[in-house]
Each structure stands twice: as C-alpha cells, then as structure tokens.
C-alpha cells in the first residue's frame, strides 16, 4: 500500500504525552495526602456538597427535555382505537 501524506499531521494529544501522565500521578498523590491529612474537613463539607448537588443536577440533567415551555400533552394521551374496541368487545361478552 502506498500512503500519501499531505503534510497535515495532527500533533499528538497532550493527554497521551508523558507530561500528562506525570501530572496525573502528581495530582493523585497530592489528592491522597490532602484527603488523609484533612479528612475531618472533607467529611464536614459533605452535607453542603450534597445540598449543592441538587441545583447542579437540576441544571445539567434537564438537557434532554428540550425546554420547559412546550412539552404539550403530559398525561393527555389519546386512547388507541384497538384498545377501545377490545374493551367494548369484552364488555359485550359478559
């Protein structure tokens, strides 16, 4: 196979470099020591973080709804003609 290159090769991603791996390792070590040394402060903030999670979930989790304005017809579904016919037939046979 003969591959031709235009000279437009994308540079390697930062996250695949060894600098990024070192940054993640150093960040992990720092997070470990912060949690072990300041666990009382982290545990004391948990109730507030739980309360903060409620509005954040409301903001970010409503993305799939398409807005609050035009839902149109919540709970107002039309009955199927087939189901209506079947229910009438059941009533006649009794």
PDB file of N, CA and C in Angstrom:
ATOM      1  N   UNK A   1       0.839  -1.176   0.000  1.00  0.00           N
ATOM      2  CA  UNK A   1       0.000   0.000   0.000  1.00  0.00           C
ATOM      3  C   UNK A   1       0.882   1.236   0.000  1.00  0.00           C
ATOM      4  N   UNK A   2       0.481   2.188  -0.761  1.00  0.00           N
ATOM      5  CA  UNK A   2       1.245   3.412  -0.883  1.00  0.00           C
ATOM      6  C   UNK A   2       0.437   4.547  -0.255  1.00  0.00           C
ATOM      7  N   UNK A   3       0.860   5.016   0.908  1.00  0.00           N
ATOM      8  CA  UNK A   3       0.136   6.085   1.609  1.00  0.00           C
ATOM      9  C   UNK A   3       0.748   7.421   1.252  1.00  0.00           C
ATOM     10  N   UNK A   4      -0.096   8.354   0.885  1.00  0.00           N
ATOM     11  CA  UNK A   4       0.380   9.697   0.595  1.00  0.00           C
ATOM     12  C   UNK A   4      -0.030  10.618   1.720  1.00  0.00           C
ATOM     13  N   UNK A   5       0.904  11.448   2.190  1.00  0.00           N
ATOM     14  CA  UNK A   5       0.631  12.380   3.273  1.00  0.00           C
ATOM     15  C   UNK A   5       0.628  13.792   2.733  1.00  0.00           C
ATOM     16  N   UNK A   6      -0.328  14.583   3.174  1.00  0.00           N
ATOM     17  CA  UNK A   6      -0.424  15.975   2.758  1.00  0.00           C
ATOM     18  C   UNK A   6       0.497  16.871   3.562  1.00  0.00           C
ATOM     19  N   UNK A   7       1.108  16.340   4.593  1.00  0.00           N
ATOM     20  CA  UNK A   7       1.898  17.173   5.489  1.00  0.00           C
ATOM     21  C   UNK A   7       1.038  17.786   6.589  1.00  0.00           C
ATOM     22  N   UNK A   8      -0.214  17.348   6.688  1.00  0.00           N
ATOM     23  CA  UNK A   8      -1.151  17.872   7.695  1.00  0.00           C
ATOM     24  C   UNK A   8      -1.372  16.837   8.781  1.00  0.00           C
ATOM     25  N   UNK A   9      -0.320  16.458   9.438  1.00  0.00           N
ATOM     26  CA  UNK A   9      -0.451  15.506  10.533  1.00  0.00           C
ATOM     27  C   UNK A   9      -0.768  16.266  11.797  1.00  0.00           C
ATOM     28  N   UNK A  10      -1.741  15.778  12.548  1.00  0.00           N
ATOM     29  CA  UNK A  10      -2.119  16.451  13.787  1.00  0.00           C
ATOM     30  C   UNK A  10      -1.070  16.172  14.853  1.00  0.00           C
ATOM     31  N   UNK A  11      -0.782  17.185  15.676  1.00  0.00           N
ATOM     32  CA  UNK A  11       0.197  16.957  16.749  1.00  0.00           C
ATOM     33  C   UNK A  11      -0.368  15.980  17.775  1.00  0.00           C
ATOM     34  N   UNK A  12       0.477  15.262  18.468  1.00  0.00           N
ATOM     35  CA  UNK A  12      -0.016  14.318  19.474  1.00  0.00           C
ATOM     36  C   UNK A  12      -0.763  15.054  20.590  1.00  0.00           C
ATOM     37  N   UNK A  13      -1.750  14.401  21.109  1.00  0.00           N
ATOM     38  CA  UNK A  13      -2.574  14.984  22.170  1.00  0.00           C
ATOM     39  C   UNK A  13      -1.747  15.162  23.448  1.00  0.00           C
ATOM     40  N   UNK A  14      -2.082  16.200  24.210  1.00  0.00           N
ATOM     41  CA  UNK A  14      -1.373  16.430  25.470  1.00  0.00           C
ATOM     42  C   UNK A  14      -1.576  15.261  26.424  1.00  0.00           C
ATOM     43  N   UNK A  15      -2.784  14.701  26.441  1.00  0.00           N
ATOM     44  CA  UNK A  15      -3.100  13.648  27.413  1.00  0.00           C
ATOM     45  C   UNK A  15      -2.416  12.330  27.105  1.00  0.00           C
ATOM     46  N   UNK A  16      -1.839  12.197  25.916  1.00  0.00           N
ATOM     47  CA  UNK A  16      -1.093  10.975  25.619  1.00  0.00           C
ATOM     48  C   UNK A  16       0.409  11.170  25.791  1.00  0.00           C
ATOM     49  N   UNK A  17       0.818  12.341  26.246  1.00  0.00           N
ATOM     50  CA  UNK A  17       2.245  12.595  26.452  1.00  0.00           C
ATOM     51  C   UNK A  17       2.680  12.141  27.848  1.00  0.00           C
ATOM     52  N   UNK A  18       3.989  12.025  28.034  1.00  0.00           N
ATOM     53  CA  UNK A  18       4.477  11.606  29.341  1.00  0.00           C
ATOM     54  C   UNK A  18       4.332  12.714  30.381  1.00  0.00           C
ATOM     55  N   UNK A  19       4.227  13.957  29.928  1.00  0.00           N
ATOM     56  CA  UNK A  19       3.999  15.062  30.861  1.00  0.00           C
ATOM     57  C   UNK A  19       2.614  14.960  31.499  1.00  0.00           C
ATOM     58  N   UNK A  20       1.646  14.573  30.703  1.00  0.00           N
ATOM     59  CA  UNK A  20       0.282  14.422  31.227  1.00  0.00           C
ATOM     60  C   UNK A  20       0.212  13.271  32.226  1.00  0.00           C
ATOM     61  N   UNK A  21       0.913  12.196  31.919  1.00  0.00           N
ATOM     62  CA  UNK A  21       0.921  11.052  32.843  1.00  0.00           C
ATOM     63  C   UNK A  21       1.556  11.462  34.166  1.00  0.00           C
ATOM     64  N   UNK A  22       2.658  12.203  34.094  1.00  0.00           N
ATOM     65  CA  UNK A  22       3.293  12.695  35.316  1.00  0.00           C
ATOM     66  C   UNK A  22       2.394  13.642  36.086  1.00  0.00           C
ATOM     67  N   UNK A  23       1.663  14.502  35.362  1.00  0.00           N
ATOM     68  CA  UNK A  23       0.733  15.427  36.010  1.00  0.00           C
ATOM     69  C   UNK A  23      -0.384  14.675  36.729  1.00  0.00           C
ATOM     70  N   UNK A  24      -0.903  13.641  36.107  1.00  0.00           N
ATOM     71  CA  UNK A  24      -1.969  12.839  36.735  1.00  0.00           C
ATOM     72  C   UNK A  24      -1.446  12.123  37.976  1.00  0.00           C
ATOM     73  N   UNK A  25      -0.229  11.578  37.899  1.00  0.00           N
ATOM     74  CA  UNK A  25       0.348  10.875  39.053  1.00  0.00           C
ATOM     75  C   UNK A  25       0.578  11.855  40.204  1.00  0.00           C
ATOM     76  N   UNK A  26       1.162  13.013  39.914  1.00  0.00           N
ATOM     77  CA  UNK A  26       1.401  14.008  40.962  1.00  0.00           C
ATOM     78  C   UNK A  26       0.079  14.498  41.548  1.00  0.00           C
ATOM     79  N   UNK A  27      -0.918  14.693  40.697  1.00  0.00           N
ATOM     80  CA  UNK A  27      -2.240  15.094  41.187  1.00  0.00           C
ATOM     81  C   UNK A  27      -2.879  14.041  42.069  1.00  0.00           C
ATOM     82  N   UNK A  28      -2.697  12.772  41.717  1.00  0.00           N
ATOM     83  CA  UNK A  28      -3.224  11.690  42.535  1.00  0.00           C
ATOM     84  C   UNK A  28      -2.559  11.614  43.896  1.00  0.00           C
ATOM     85  N   UNK A  29      -1.244  11.781  43.915  1.00  0.00           N
ATOM     86  CA  UNK A  29      -0.511  11.765  45.187  1.00  0.00           C
ATOM     87  C   UNK A  29      -0.934  12.952  46.052  1.00  0.00           C
ATOM     88  N   UNK A  30      -1.061  14.131  45.433  1.00  0.00           N
ATOM     89  CA  UNK A  30      -1.486  15.317  46.182  1.00  0.00           C
ATOM     90  C   UNK A  30      -2.897  15.139  46.734  1.00  0.00           C
ATOM     91  N   UNK A  31      -3.792  14.571  45.939  1.00  0.00           N
ATOM     92  CA  UNK A  31      -5.161  14.342  46.408  1.00  0.00           C
ATOM     93  C   UNK A  31      -5.183  13.344  47.562  1.00  0.00           C
ATOM     94  N   UNK A  32      -4.351  12.303  47.484  1.00  0.00           N
ATOM     95  CA  UNK A  32      -4.282  11.323  48.567  1.00  0.00           C
ATOM     96  C   UNK A  32      -3.851  11.975  49.872  1.00  0.00           C
ATOM     97  N   UNK A  33      -2.776  12.760  49.827  1.00  0.00           N
ATOM     98  CA  UNK A  33      -2.288  13.386  51.062  1.00  0.00           C
ATOM     99  C   UNK A  33      -3.252  14.450  51.585  1.00  0.00           C
ATOM    100  N   UNK A  34      -3.902  15.169  50.690  1.00  0.00           N
ATOM    101  CA  UNK A  34      -4.891  16.150  51.146  1.00  0.00           C
ATOM    102  C   UNK A  34      -6.059  15.466  51.845  1.00  0.00           C
ATOM    103  N   UNK A  35      -6.516  14.350  51.282  1.00  0.00           N
ATOM    104  CA  UNK A  35      -7.635  13.637  51.906  1.00  0.00           C
ATOM    105  C   UNK A  35      -7.240  13.003  53.233  1.00  0.00           C
ATOM    106  N   UNK A  36      -6.040  12.430  53.314  1.00  0.00           N
ATOM    107  CA  UNK A  36      -5.653  11.780  54.566  1.00  0.00           C
ATOM    108  C   UNK A  36      -5.375  12.794  55.664  1.00  0.00           C
ATOM    109  N   UNK A  37      -4.809  13.933  55.313  1.00  0.00           N
ATOM    110  CA  UNK A  37      -4.480  14.931  56.329  1.00  0.00           C
ATOM    111  C   UNK A  37      -5.666  15.815  56.705  1.00  0.00           C
ATOM    112  N   UNK A  38      -6.592  15.993  55.804  1.00  0.00           N
ATOM    113  CA  UNK A  38      -7.714  16.906  56.039  1.00  0.00           C
ATOM    114  C   UNK A  38      -9.056  16.191  55.924  1.00  0.00           C
ATOM    115  N   UNK A  39      -9.096  14.935  56.345  1.00  0.00           N
ATOM    116  CA  UNK A  39     -10.321  14.152  56.221  1.00  0.00           C
ATOM    117  C   UNK A  39     -11.458  14.755  57.037  1.00  0.00           C
ATOM    118  N   UNK A  40     -11.170  15.316  58.197  1.00  0.00           N
ATOM    119  CA  UNK A  40     -12.224  15.927  59.024  1.00  0.00           C
ATOM    120  C   UNK A  40     -12.880  17.097  58.302  1.00  0.00           C
ATOM    121  N   UNK A  41     -12.098  17.874  57.577  1.00  0.00           N
ATOM    122  CA  UNK A  41     -12.670  18.998  56.840  1.00  0.00           C
ATOM    123  C   UNK A  41     -13.523  18.522  55.677  1.00  0.00           C
ATOM    124  N   UNK A  42     -13.070  17.459  55.003  1.00  0.00           N
ATOM    125  CA  UNK A  42     -13.822  16.929  53.868  1.00  0.00           C
ATOM    126  C   UNK A  42     -15.146  16.342  54.347  1.00  0.00           C
ATOM    127  N   UNK A  43     -15.114  15.572  55.450  1.00  0.00           N
ATOM    128  CA  UNK A  43     -16.334  14.974  55.982  1.00  0.00           C
ATOM    129  C   UNK A  43     -17.289  16.066  56.472  1.00  0.00           C
ATOM    130  N   UNK A  44     -16.752  17.142  57.033  1.00  0.00           N
ATOM    131  CA  UNK A  44     -17.599  18.239  57.489  1.00  0.00           C
ATOM    132  C   UNK A  44     -18.286  18.968  56.346  1.00  0.00           C
ATOM    133  N   UNK A  45     -17.700  18.926  55.148  1.00  0.00           N
ATOM    134  CA  UNK A  45     -18.288  19.618  54.000  1.00  0.00           C
ATOM    135  C   UNK A  45     -19.259  18.743  53.213  1.00  0.00           C
ATOM    136  N   UNK A  46     -19.337  17.459  53.510  1.00  0.00           N
ATOM    137  CA  UNK A  46     -20.202  16.565  52.735  1.00  0.00           C
ATOM    138  C   UNK A  46     -21.675  16.970  52.730  1.00  0.00           C
ATOM    139  N   UNK A  47     -22.288  17.380  53.858  1.00  0.00           N
ATOM    140  CA  UNK A  47     -23.701  17.797  53.781  1.00  0.00           C
ATOM    141  C   UNK A  47     -23.911  18.992  52.850  1.00  0.00           C
ATOM    142  N   UNK A  48     -22.953  19.918  52.849  1.00  0.00           N
ATOM    143  CA  UNK A  48     -23.085  21.075  51.970  1.00  0.00           C
ATOM    144  C   UNK A  48     -22.892  20.679  50.509  1.00  0.00           C
ATOM    145  N   UNK A  49     -22.013  19.734  50.256  1.00  0.00           N
ATOM    146  CA  UNK A  49     -21.824  19.253  48.890  1.00  0.00           C
ATOM    147  C   UNK A  49     -23.062  18.528  48.387  1.00  0.00           C
ATOM    148  N   UNK A  50     -23.741  17.819  49.281  1.00  0.00           N
ATOM    149  CA  UNK A  50     -24.985  17.144  48.906  1.00  0.00           C
ATOM    150  C   UNK A  50     -26.058  18.163  48.539  1.00  0.00           C
ATOM    151  N   UNK A  51     -26.160  19.239  49.328  1.00  0.00           N
ATOM    152  CA  UNK A  51     -27.122  20.288  49.009  1.00  0.00           C
ATOM    153  C   UNK A  51     -26.751  21.013  47.717  1.00  0.00           C
ATOM    154  N   UNK A  52     -25.481  21.176  47.452  1.00  0.00           N
ATOM    155  CA  UNK A  52     -25.035  21.817  46.226  1.00  0.00           C
ATOM    156  C   UNK A  52     -25.302  20.929  45.014  1.00  0.00           C
ATOM    157  N   UNK A  53     -25.320  19.621  45.217  1.00  0.00           N
ATOM    158  CA  UNK A  53     -25.549  18.700  44.107  1.00  0.00           C
ATOM    159  C   UNK A  53     -26.965  18.826  43.551  1.00  0.00           C
ATOM    160  N   UNK A  54     -27.938  19.212  44.378  1.00  0.00           N
ATOM    161  CA  UNK A  54     -29.325  19.299  43.914  1.00  0.00           C
ATOM    162  C   UNK A  54     -29.502  20.336  42.803  1.00  0.00           C
ATOM    163  N   UNK A  55     -29.105  21.603  43.003  1.00  0.00           N
ATOM    164  CA  UNK A  55     -29.273  22.545  41.896  1.00  0.00           C
ATOM    165  C   UNK A  55     -28.373  22.231  40.699  1.00  0.00           C
ATOM    166  N   UNK A  56     -27.197  21.676  40.953  1.00  0.00           N
ATOM    167  CA  UNK A  56     -26.327  21.331  39.833  1.00  0.00           C
ATOM    168  C   UNK A  56     -26.934  20.217  38.986  1.00  0.00           C
ATOM    169  N   UNK A  57     -27.529  19.210  39.623  1.00  0.00           N
ATOM    170  CA  UNK A  57     -28.188  18.150  38.864  1.00  0.00           C
ATOM    171  C   UNK A  57     -29.392  18.705  38.113  1.00  0.00           C
ATOM    172  N   UNK A  58     -30.117  19.647  38.706  1.00  0.00           N
ATOM    173  CA  UNK A  58     -31.273  20.246  38.034  1.00  0.00           C
ATOM    174  C   UNK A  58     -30.819  20.978  36.778  1.00  0.00           C
ATOM    175  N   UNK A  59     -29.705  21.690  36.868  1.00  0.00           N
ATOM    176  CA  UNK A  59     -29.213  22.451  35.714  1.00  0.00           C
ATOM    177  C   UNK A  59     -28.702  21.513  34.618  1.00  0.00           C
ATOM    178  N   UNK A  60     -27.886  20.547  34.995  1.00  0.00           N
ATOM    179  CA  UNK A  60     -27.220  19.736  33.990  1.00  0.00           C
ATOM    180  C   UNK A  60     -28.023  18.521  33.539  1.00  0.00           C
ATOM    181  N   UNK A  61     -28.964  18.045  34.321  1.00  0.00           N
ATOM    182  CA  UNK A  61     -29.689  16.837  33.951  1.00  0.00           C
ATOM    183  C   UNK A  61     -30.938  17.116  33.119  1.00  0.00           C
ATOM    184  N   UNK A  62     -31.341  18.373  32.992  1.00  0.00           N
ATOM    185  CA  UNK A  62     -32.516  18.693  32.202  1.00  0.00           C
ATOM    186  C   UNK A  62     -32.181  18.948  30.748  1.00  0.00           C
ATOM    187  N   UNK A  63     -30.996  18.596  30.300  1.00  0.00           N
ATOM    188  CA  UNK A  63     -30.594  18.839  28.929  1.00  0.00           C
ATOM    189  C   UNK A  63     -31.396  18.050  27.914  1.00  0.00           C
ATOM    190  N   UNK A  64     -31.873  16.882  28.255  1.00  0.00           N
ATOM    191  CA  UNK A  64     -32.596  16.054  27.308  1.00  0.00           C
ATOM    192  C   UNK A  64     -34.061  16.378  27.173  1.00  0.00           C
ATOM    193  N   UNK A  65     -34.592  17.293  27.977  1.00  0.00           N
ATOM    194  CA  UNK A  65     -36.016  17.579  27.935  1.00  0.00           C
ATOM    195  C   UNK A  65     -36.411  18.477  26.779  1.00  0.00           C
ATOM    196  N   UNK A  66     -35.501  19.321  26.305  1.00  0.00           N
ATOM    197  CA  UNK A  66     -35.843  20.229  25.234  1.00  0.00           C
ATOM    198  C   UNK A  66     -36.551  21.471  25.726  1.00  0.00           C
ATOM    199  N   UNK A  67     -36.385  21.831  26.953  1.00  0.00           N
ATOM    200  CA  UNK A  67     -37.001  23.051  27.479  1.00  0.00           C
ATOM    201  C   UNK A  67     -38.264  22.750  28.258  1.00  0.00           C
ATOM    202  N   UNK A  68     -38.685  23.723  29.060  1.00  0.00           N
ATOM    203  CA  UNK A  68     -39.875  23.532  29.887  1.00  0.00           C
ATOM    204  C   UNK A  68     -41.137  24.036  29.212  1.00  0.00           C
ATOM    205  N   UNK A  69     -41.014  24.847  28.149  1.00  0.00           N
ATOM    206  CA  UNK A  69     -42.165  25.539  27.598  1.00  0.00           C
ATOM    207  C   UNK A  69     -43.131  24.667  26.832  1.00  0.00           C
ATOM    208  N   UNK A  70     -42.683  23.831  25.927  1.00  0.00           N
ATOM    209  CA  UNK A  70     -43.620  23.174  25.021  1.00  0.00           C
ATOM    210  C   UNK A  70     -43.659  21.677  25.134  1.00  0.00           C
ATOM    211  N   UNK A  71     -43.897  21.158  26.307  1.00  0.00           N
ATOM    212  CA  UNK A  71     -43.993  19.699  26.430  1.00  0.00           C
ATOM    213  C   UNK A  71     -45.237  19.196  25.726  1.00  0.00           C
ATOM    214  N   UNK A  72     -46.350  19.880  25.897  1.00  0.00           N
ATOM    215  CA  UNK A  72     -47.574  19.553  25.181  1.00  0.00           C
ATOM    216  C   UNK A  72     -48.132  18.183  25.480  1.00  0.00           C
ATOM    217  N   UNK A  73     -49.126  18.133  26.315  1.00  0.00           N
ATOM    218  CA  UNK A  73     -49.880  16.911  26.500  1.00  0.00           C
ATOM    219  C   UNK A  73     -49.299  15.918  27.463  1.00  0.00           C
ATOM    220  N   UNK A  74     -48.777  16.359  28.576  1.00  0.00           N
ATOM    221  CA  UNK A  74     -48.347  15.413  29.603  1.00  0.00           C
ATOM    222  C   UNK A  74     -49.580  14.758  30.196  1.00  0.00           C
ATOM    223  N   UNK A  75     -49.643  13.451  30.078  1.00  0.00           N
ATOM    224  CA  UNK A  75     -50.758  12.721  30.673  1.00  0.00           C
ATOM    225  C   UNK A  75     -52.048  12.834  29.894  1.00  0.00           C
ATOM    226  N   UNK A  76     -52.036  13.402  28.704  1.00  0.00           N
ATOM    227  CA  UNK A  76     -53.246  13.548  27.913  1.00  0.00           C
ATOM    228  C   UNK A  76     -53.144  12.693  26.656  1.00  0.00           C
ATOM    229  N   UNK A  77     -52.852  11.444  26.820  1.00  0.00           N
ATOM    230  CA  UNK A  77     -52.707  10.583  25.653  1.00  0.00           C
ATOM    231  C   UNK A  77     -54.068  10.134  25.159  1.00  0.00           C
ATOM    232  N   UNK A  78     -54.180   9.998  23.847  1.00  0.00           N
ATOM    233  CA  UNK A  78     -55.434   9.544  23.244  1.00  0.00           C
ATOM    234  C   UNK A  78     -55.487   8.031  23.335  1.00  0.00           C
ATOM    235  N   UNK A  79     -56.636   7.469  23.630  1.00  0.00           N
ATOM    236  CA  UNK A  79     -56.723   6.011  23.704  1.00  0.00           C
ATOM    237  C   UNK A  79     -56.589   5.409  22.305  1.00  0.00           C
ATOM    238  N   UNK A  80     -55.957   4.265  22.228  1.00  0.00           N
ATOM    239  CA  UNK A  80     -55.827   3.568  20.954  1.00  0.00           C
ATOM    240  C   UNK A  80     -57.180   3.053  20.516  1.00  0.00           C
ATOM    241  N   UNK A  81     -57.417   3.095  19.230  1.00  0.00           N
ATOM    242  CA  UNK A  81     -58.685   2.599  18.705  1.00  0.00           C
ATOM    243  C   UNK A  81     -58.799   1.099  18.948  1.00  0.00           C
ATOM    244  N   UNK A  82     -57.681   0.377  18.840  1.00  0.00           N
ATOM    245  CA  UNK A  82     -57.699  -1.068  19.045  1.00  0.00           C
ATOM    246  C   UNK A  82     -58.047  -1.408  20.490  1.00  0.00           C
ATOM    247  N   UNK A  83     -57.454  -0.686  21.448  1.00  0.00           N
ATOM    248  CA  UNK A  83     -57.744  -0.953  22.852  1.00  0.00           C
ATOM    249  C   UNK A  83     -59.200  -0.621  23.172  1.00  0.00           C
ATOM    250  N   UNK A  84     -59.710   0.463  22.595  1.00  0.00           N
ATOM    251  CA  UNK A  84     -61.098   0.846  22.839  1.00  0.00           C
ATOM    252  C   UNK A  84     -62.040  -0.214  22.287  1.00  0.00           C
ATOM    253  N   UNK A  85     -61.738  -0.727  21.104  1.00  0.00           N
ATOM    254  CA  UNK A  85     -62.575  -1.757  20.501  1.00  0.00           C
ATOM    255  C   UNK A  85     -62.515  -3.038  21.317  1.00  0.00           C
ATOM    256  N   UNK A  86     -61.329  -3.416  21.784  1.00  0.00           N
ATOM    257  CA  UNK A  86     -61.198  -4.632  22.590  1.00  0.00           C
ATOM    258  C   UNK A  86     -61.946  -4.503  23.901  1.00  0.00           C
ATOM    259  N   UNK A  87     -61.912  -3.345  24.512  1.00  0.00           N
ATOM    260  CA  UNK A  87     -62.603  -3.190  25.800  1.00  0.00           C
ATOM    261  C   UNK A  87     -64.122  -3.234  25.576  1.00  0.00           C
ATOM    262  N   UNK A  88     -64.594  -2.739  24.465  1.00  0.00           N
ATOM    263  CA  UNK A  88     -66.045  -2.826  24.184  1.00  0.00           C
ATOM    264  C   UNK A  88     -66.450  -4.282  23.945  1.00  0.00           C
ATOM    265  N   UNK A  89     -65.602  -5.037  23.231  1.00  0.00           N
ATOM    266  CA  UNK A  89     -65.921  -6.428  22.953  1.00  0.00           C
ATOM    267  C   UNK A  89     -65.925  -7.254  24.235  1.00  0.00           C
ATOM    268  N   UNK A  90     -65.050  -6.955  25.165  1.00  0.00           N
ATOM    269  CA  UNK A  90     -65.020  -7.684  26.424  1.00  0.00           C
ATOM    270  C   UNK A  90     -66.291  -7.392  27.221  1.00  0.00           C
ATOM    271  N   UNK A  91     -66.759  -6.179  27.163  1.00  0.00           N
ATOM    272  CA  UNK A  91     -67.966  -5.820  27.901  1.00  0.00           C
ATOM    273  C   UNK A  91     -69.199  -6.489  27.350  1.00  0.00           C
ATOM    274  N   UNK A  92     -69.243  -6.723  26.006  1.00  0.00           N
ATOM    275  CA  UNK A  92     -70.400  -7.350  25.392  1.00  0.00           C
ATOM    276  C   UNK A  92     -70.447  -8.838  25.682  1.00  0.00           C
ATOM    277  N   UNK A  93     -69.318  -9.480  25.874  1.00  0.00           N
ATOM    278  CA  UNK A  93     -69.312 -10.933  26.064  1.00  0.00           C
ATOM    279  C   UNK A  93     -69.680 -11.334  27.486  1.00  0.00           C
ATOM    280  N   UNK A  94     -69.749 -10.388  28.378  1.00  0.00           N
ATOM    281  CA  UNK A  94     -70.045 -10.755  29.772  1.00  0.00           C
ATOM    282  C   UNK A  94     -71.493 -10.874  30.024  1.00  0.00           C
TER     283      UNK A  94
END
